[in-house]
Amino acid sequence: MAVEKKHPRVIVFSTPSCPWCRKTKMYLKQNKIKFKDINVSKDMNAARDIVRMTGQQGVPVVLIGSRPIIGFNKPLINKLLGIK
């Protein structure tokens, strides 16, 4: 029986019109990573949070544990989530 590795909490801050957001979410799904998707075009508090966290307004921002990743940075996502 395979033991599922526990990943840190993953939150994707995105907008529906962002192609890199879609790529990021598709990549996480392909790797069976559960994540919460927050649409910052509808959630102004979340939009303010990512600006406070990263100093910028661009999406996607992937929050892995407490570490924000700006953009679809596949090598860093792989490293932080242990994806081979």
N, C-alpha and C. Protein backbone atom coordinates (compact mmCIF):
# COMPACT_ATOMS: atom_id res chain seq x y z
N MET A 1 0.84 -1.19 0.00
CA MET A 1 0.00 0.00 0.00
C MET A 1 0.88 1.25 0.00
N ALA A 2 0.66 2.12 -0.96
CA ALA A 2 1.47 3.34 -1.07
C ALA A 2 0.98 4.37 -0.06
N VAL A 3 1.94 4.97 0.62
CA VAL A 3 1.61 6.02 1.57
C VAL A 3 1.67 7.34 0.81
N GLU A 4 0.58 8.08 0.83
CA GLU A 4 0.56 9.35 0.12
C GLU A 4 1.36 10.37 0.92
N LYS A 5 2.29 11.03 0.22
CA LYS A 5 3.11 12.02 0.89
C LYS A 5 2.27 13.24 1.20
N LYS A 6 2.43 13.77 2.40
CA LYS A 6 1.66 14.95 2.81
C LYS A 6 2.34 16.19 2.24
N HIS A 7 1.59 16.94 1.47
CA HIS A 7 2.13 18.16 0.90
C HIS A 7 1.71 19.35 1.75
N PRO A 8 2.52 20.41 1.70
CA PRO A 8 2.05 21.63 2.36
C PRO A 8 0.79 22.13 1.66
N ARG A 9 0.07 23.02 2.30
CA ARG A 9 -1.14 23.58 1.70
C ARG A 9 -0.75 24.37 0.45
N VAL A 10 -1.53 24.19 -0.62
CA VAL A 10 -1.25 24.87 -1.88
C VAL A 10 -2.47 25.73 -2.25
N ILE A 11 -2.21 27.02 -2.49
CA ILE A 11 -3.26 27.92 -2.93
C ILE A 11 -2.79 28.59 -4.21
N VAL A 12 -3.66 28.61 -5.22
CA VAL A 12 -3.34 29.28 -6.48
C VAL A 12 -4.21 30.52 -6.59
N PHE A 13 -3.57 31.68 -6.64
CA PHE A 13 -4.27 32.94 -6.88
C PHE A 13 -4.25 33.16 -8.38
N SER A 14 -5.44 33.29 -8.99
CA SER A 14 -5.49 33.32 -10.45
C SER A 14 -6.66 34.18 -10.92
N THR A 15 -6.72 34.34 -12.25
CA THR A 15 -7.89 34.96 -12.88
C THR A 15 -8.33 34.03 -14.02
N PRO A 16 -9.62 34.06 -14.37
CA PRO A 16 -10.12 33.16 -15.42
C PRO A 16 -9.47 33.42 -16.79
N SER A 17 -9.02 34.66 -17.05
CA SER A 17 -8.50 34.99 -18.38
C SER A 17 -7.00 34.74 -18.52
N CYS A 18 -6.35 34.24 -17.46
CA CYS A 18 -4.88 34.11 -17.46
C CYS A 18 -4.44 32.73 -17.96
N PRO A 19 -3.75 32.69 -19.12
CA PRO A 19 -3.31 31.38 -19.65
C PRO A 19 -2.29 30.69 -18.75
N TRP A 20 -1.41 31.44 -18.09
CA TRP A 20 -0.41 30.81 -17.20
C TRP A 20 -1.06 30.25 -15.95
N CYS A 21 -2.17 30.88 -15.54
CA CYS A 21 -2.93 30.34 -14.40
C CYS A 21 -3.50 28.97 -14.76
N ARG A 22 -4.06 28.87 -15.97
CA ARG A 22 -4.63 27.59 -16.42
C ARG A 22 -3.53 26.53 -16.51
N LYS A 23 -2.37 26.90 -17.07
CA LYS A 23 -1.25 25.95 -17.16
C LYS A 23 -0.83 25.47 -15.78
N THR A 24 -0.73 26.41 -14.84
CA THR A 24 -0.31 26.07 -13.48
C THR A 24 -1.28 25.08 -12.85
N LYS A 25 -2.59 25.37 -12.95
CA LYS A 25 -3.60 24.50 -12.33
C LYS A 25 -3.63 23.13 -13.01
N MET A 26 -3.47 23.12 -14.33
CA MET A 26 -3.45 21.85 -15.05
C MET A 26 -2.24 21.01 -14.61
N TYR A 27 -1.10 21.66 -14.44
CA TYR A 27 0.11 20.97 -14.00
C TYR A 27 -0.08 20.36 -12.61
N LEU A 28 -0.66 21.14 -11.69
CA LEU A 28 -0.90 20.61 -10.34
C LEU A 28 -1.86 19.43 -10.38
N LYS A 29 -2.93 19.54 -11.19
CA LYS A 29 -3.89 18.43 -11.31
C LYS A 29 -3.23 17.18 -11.88
N GLN A 30 -2.40 17.37 -12.91
CA GLN A 30 -1.72 16.22 -13.52
C GLN A 30 -0.84 15.49 -12.50
N ASN A 31 -0.31 16.25 -11.54
CA ASN A 31 0.55 15.66 -10.52
C ASN A 31 -0.21 15.32 -9.25
N LYS A 32 -1.55 15.34 -9.35
CA LYS A 32 -2.44 14.97 -8.24
C LYS A 32 -2.16 15.77 -6.97
N ILE A 33 -1.88 17.07 -7.16
CA ILE A 33 -1.67 17.97 -6.03
C ILE A 33 -3.00 18.69 -5.78
N LYS A 34 -3.52 18.56 -4.57
CA LYS A 34 -4.75 19.27 -4.22
C LYS A 34 -4.40 20.73 -3.98
N PHE A 35 -5.26 21.63 -4.47
CA PHE A 35 -5.01 23.04 -4.23
C PHE A 35 -6.33 23.79 -4.15
N LYS A 36 -6.26 24.95 -3.53
CA LYS A 36 -7.42 25.83 -3.47
C LYS A 36 -7.17 26.92 -4.51
N ASP A 37 -8.17 27.18 -5.34
CA ASP A 37 -8.05 28.20 -6.38
C ASP A 37 -8.81 29.44 -5.94
N ILE A 38 -8.13 30.57 -5.91
CA ILE A 38 -8.78 31.82 -5.53
C ILE A 38 -8.74 32.78 -6.72
N ASN A 39 -9.92 33.17 -7.16
CA ASN A 39 -10.06 34.08 -8.30
C ASN A 39 -9.92 35.52 -7.80
N VAL A 40 -8.75 36.12 -8.05
CA VAL A 40 -8.49 37.47 -7.51
C VAL A 40 -9.26 38.56 -8.26
N SER A 41 -9.86 38.22 -9.41
CA SER A 41 -10.68 39.23 -10.08
C SER A 41 -12.03 39.39 -9.37
N LYS A 42 -12.41 38.39 -8.57
CA LYS A 42 -13.66 38.46 -7.79
C LYS A 42 -13.41 38.73 -6.31
N ASP A 43 -12.23 38.37 -5.83
CA ASP A 43 -11.92 38.47 -4.40
C ASP A 43 -10.87 39.57 -4.17
N MET A 44 -11.35 40.78 -3.89
CA MET A 44 -10.44 41.93 -3.74
C MET A 44 -9.51 41.79 -2.54
N ASN A 45 -9.99 41.13 -1.48
CA ASN A 45 -9.12 40.92 -0.31
C ASN A 45 -7.94 40.03 -0.68
N ALA A 46 -8.21 38.98 -1.44
CA ALA A 46 -7.13 38.08 -1.87
C ALA A 46 -6.16 38.83 -2.80
N ALA A 47 -6.71 39.68 -3.67
CA ALA A 47 -5.86 40.46 -4.56
C ALA A 47 -4.92 41.35 -3.74
N ARG A 48 -5.47 41.99 -2.70
CA ARG A 48 -4.62 42.83 -1.82
C ARG A 48 -3.58 41.97 -1.10
N ASP A 49 -3.99 40.78 -0.68
CA ASP A 49 -3.06 39.89 0.02
C ASP A 49 -1.85 39.54 -0.85
N ILE A 50 -2.09 39.21 -2.14
CA ILE A 50 -0.94 38.82 -2.96
C ILE A 50 -0.04 40.02 -3.25
N VAL A 51 -0.61 41.22 -3.34
CA VAL A 51 0.24 42.40 -3.52
C VAL A 51 1.09 42.61 -2.27
N ARG A 52 0.46 42.44 -1.10
CA ARG A 52 1.21 42.60 0.16
C ARG A 52 2.30 41.53 0.27
N MET A 53 1.98 40.33 -0.16
CA MET A 53 2.91 39.20 -0.05
C MET A 53 4.08 39.31 -1.04
N THR A 54 3.77 39.74 -2.28
CA THR A 54 4.77 39.65 -3.35
C THR A 54 5.23 41.02 -3.86
N GLY A 55 4.47 42.08 -3.53
CA GLY A 55 4.81 43.39 -4.05
C GLY A 55 4.34 43.61 -5.48
N GLN A 56 3.62 42.65 -6.05
CA GLN A 56 3.12 42.83 -7.41
C GLN A 56 1.73 42.26 -7.59
N GLN A 57 1.13 42.62 -8.74
CA GLN A 57 -0.26 42.23 -8.98
C GLN A 57 -0.39 41.08 -9.96
N GLY A 58 0.71 40.59 -10.50
CA GLY A 58 0.64 39.55 -11.52
C GLY A 58 0.14 38.22 -10.96
N VAL A 59 -0.54 37.47 -11.81
CA VAL A 59 -0.96 36.11 -11.47
C VAL A 59 -0.38 35.18 -12.53
N PRO A 60 -0.21 33.91 -12.29
CA PRO A 60 -0.58 33.25 -11.03
C PRO A 60 0.44 33.50 -9.92
N VAL A 61 -0.05 33.44 -8.70
CA VAL A 61 0.82 33.33 -7.53
C VAL A 61 0.43 32.01 -6.88
N VAL A 62 1.40 31.13 -6.71
CA VAL A 62 1.17 29.84 -6.08
C VAL A 62 1.75 29.93 -4.68
N LEU A 63 0.91 29.74 -3.69
CA LEU A 63 1.36 29.77 -2.31
C LEU A 63 1.51 28.33 -1.85
N ILE A 64 2.74 27.94 -1.58
CA ILE A 64 3.02 26.57 -1.12
C ILE A 64 3.49 26.70 0.33
N GLY A 65 2.64 26.26 1.25
CA GLY A 65 2.91 26.55 2.66
C GLY A 65 2.84 28.06 2.83
N SER A 66 3.93 28.67 3.25
CA SER A 66 3.94 30.13 3.39
C SER A 66 4.83 30.78 2.33
N ARG A 67 5.24 29.99 1.33
CA ARG A 67 6.19 30.47 0.32
C ARG A 67 5.46 30.84 -0.97
N PRO A 68 5.41 32.14 -1.32
CA PRO A 68 4.75 32.53 -2.57
C PRO A 68 5.68 32.33 -3.78
N ILE A 69 5.13 31.78 -4.84
CA ILE A 69 5.86 31.63 -6.10
C ILE A 69 5.12 32.47 -7.13
N ILE A 70 5.83 33.39 -7.77
CA ILE A 70 5.20 34.26 -8.75
C ILE A 70 5.36 33.63 -10.13
N GLY A 71 4.24 33.48 -10.83
CA GLY A 71 4.28 32.88 -12.16
C GLY A 71 4.31 31.36 -12.09
N PHE A 72 4.36 30.75 -13.27
CA PHE A 72 4.41 29.28 -13.36
C PHE A 72 5.88 28.87 -13.36
N ASN A 73 6.46 28.79 -12.16
CA ASN A 73 7.87 28.44 -11.99
C ASN A 73 7.94 26.95 -11.68
N LYS A 74 7.92 26.16 -12.78
CA LYS A 74 7.83 24.71 -12.63
C LYS A 74 8.97 24.12 -11.79
N PRO A 75 10.24 24.51 -12.01
CA PRO A 75 11.33 23.93 -11.18
C PRO A 75 11.13 24.18 -9.69
N LEU A 76 10.68 25.37 -9.33
CA LEU A 76 10.49 25.68 -7.91
C LEU A 76 9.27 24.96 -7.34
N ILE A 77 8.19 24.89 -8.13
CA ILE A 77 7.00 24.13 -7.71
C ILE A 77 7.39 22.67 -7.47
N ASN A 78 8.15 22.09 -8.42
CA ASN A 78 8.60 20.69 -8.29
C ASN A 78 9.41 20.50 -7.02
N LYS A 79 10.32 21.44 -6.77
CA LYS A 79 11.21 21.32 -5.61
C LYS A 79 10.41 21.38 -4.31
N LEU A 80 9.51 22.36 -4.20
CA LEU A 80 8.78 22.55 -2.95
C LEU A 80 7.74 21.45 -2.71
N LEU A 81 7.25 20.82 -3.80
CA LEU A 81 6.24 19.77 -3.63
C LEU A 81 6.80 18.37 -3.82
N GLY A 82 8.10 18.28 -4.09
CA GLY A 82 8.71 16.96 -4.25
C GLY A 82 8.24 16.24 -5.50
N ILE A 83 7.93 16.99 -6.57
CA ILE A 83 7.51 16.36 -7.83
C ILE A 83 8.77 16.01 -8.62
N LYS A 84 8.83 14.77 -9.08
CA LYS A 84 10.02 14.32 -9.84
C LYS A 84 9.82 14.57 -11.31
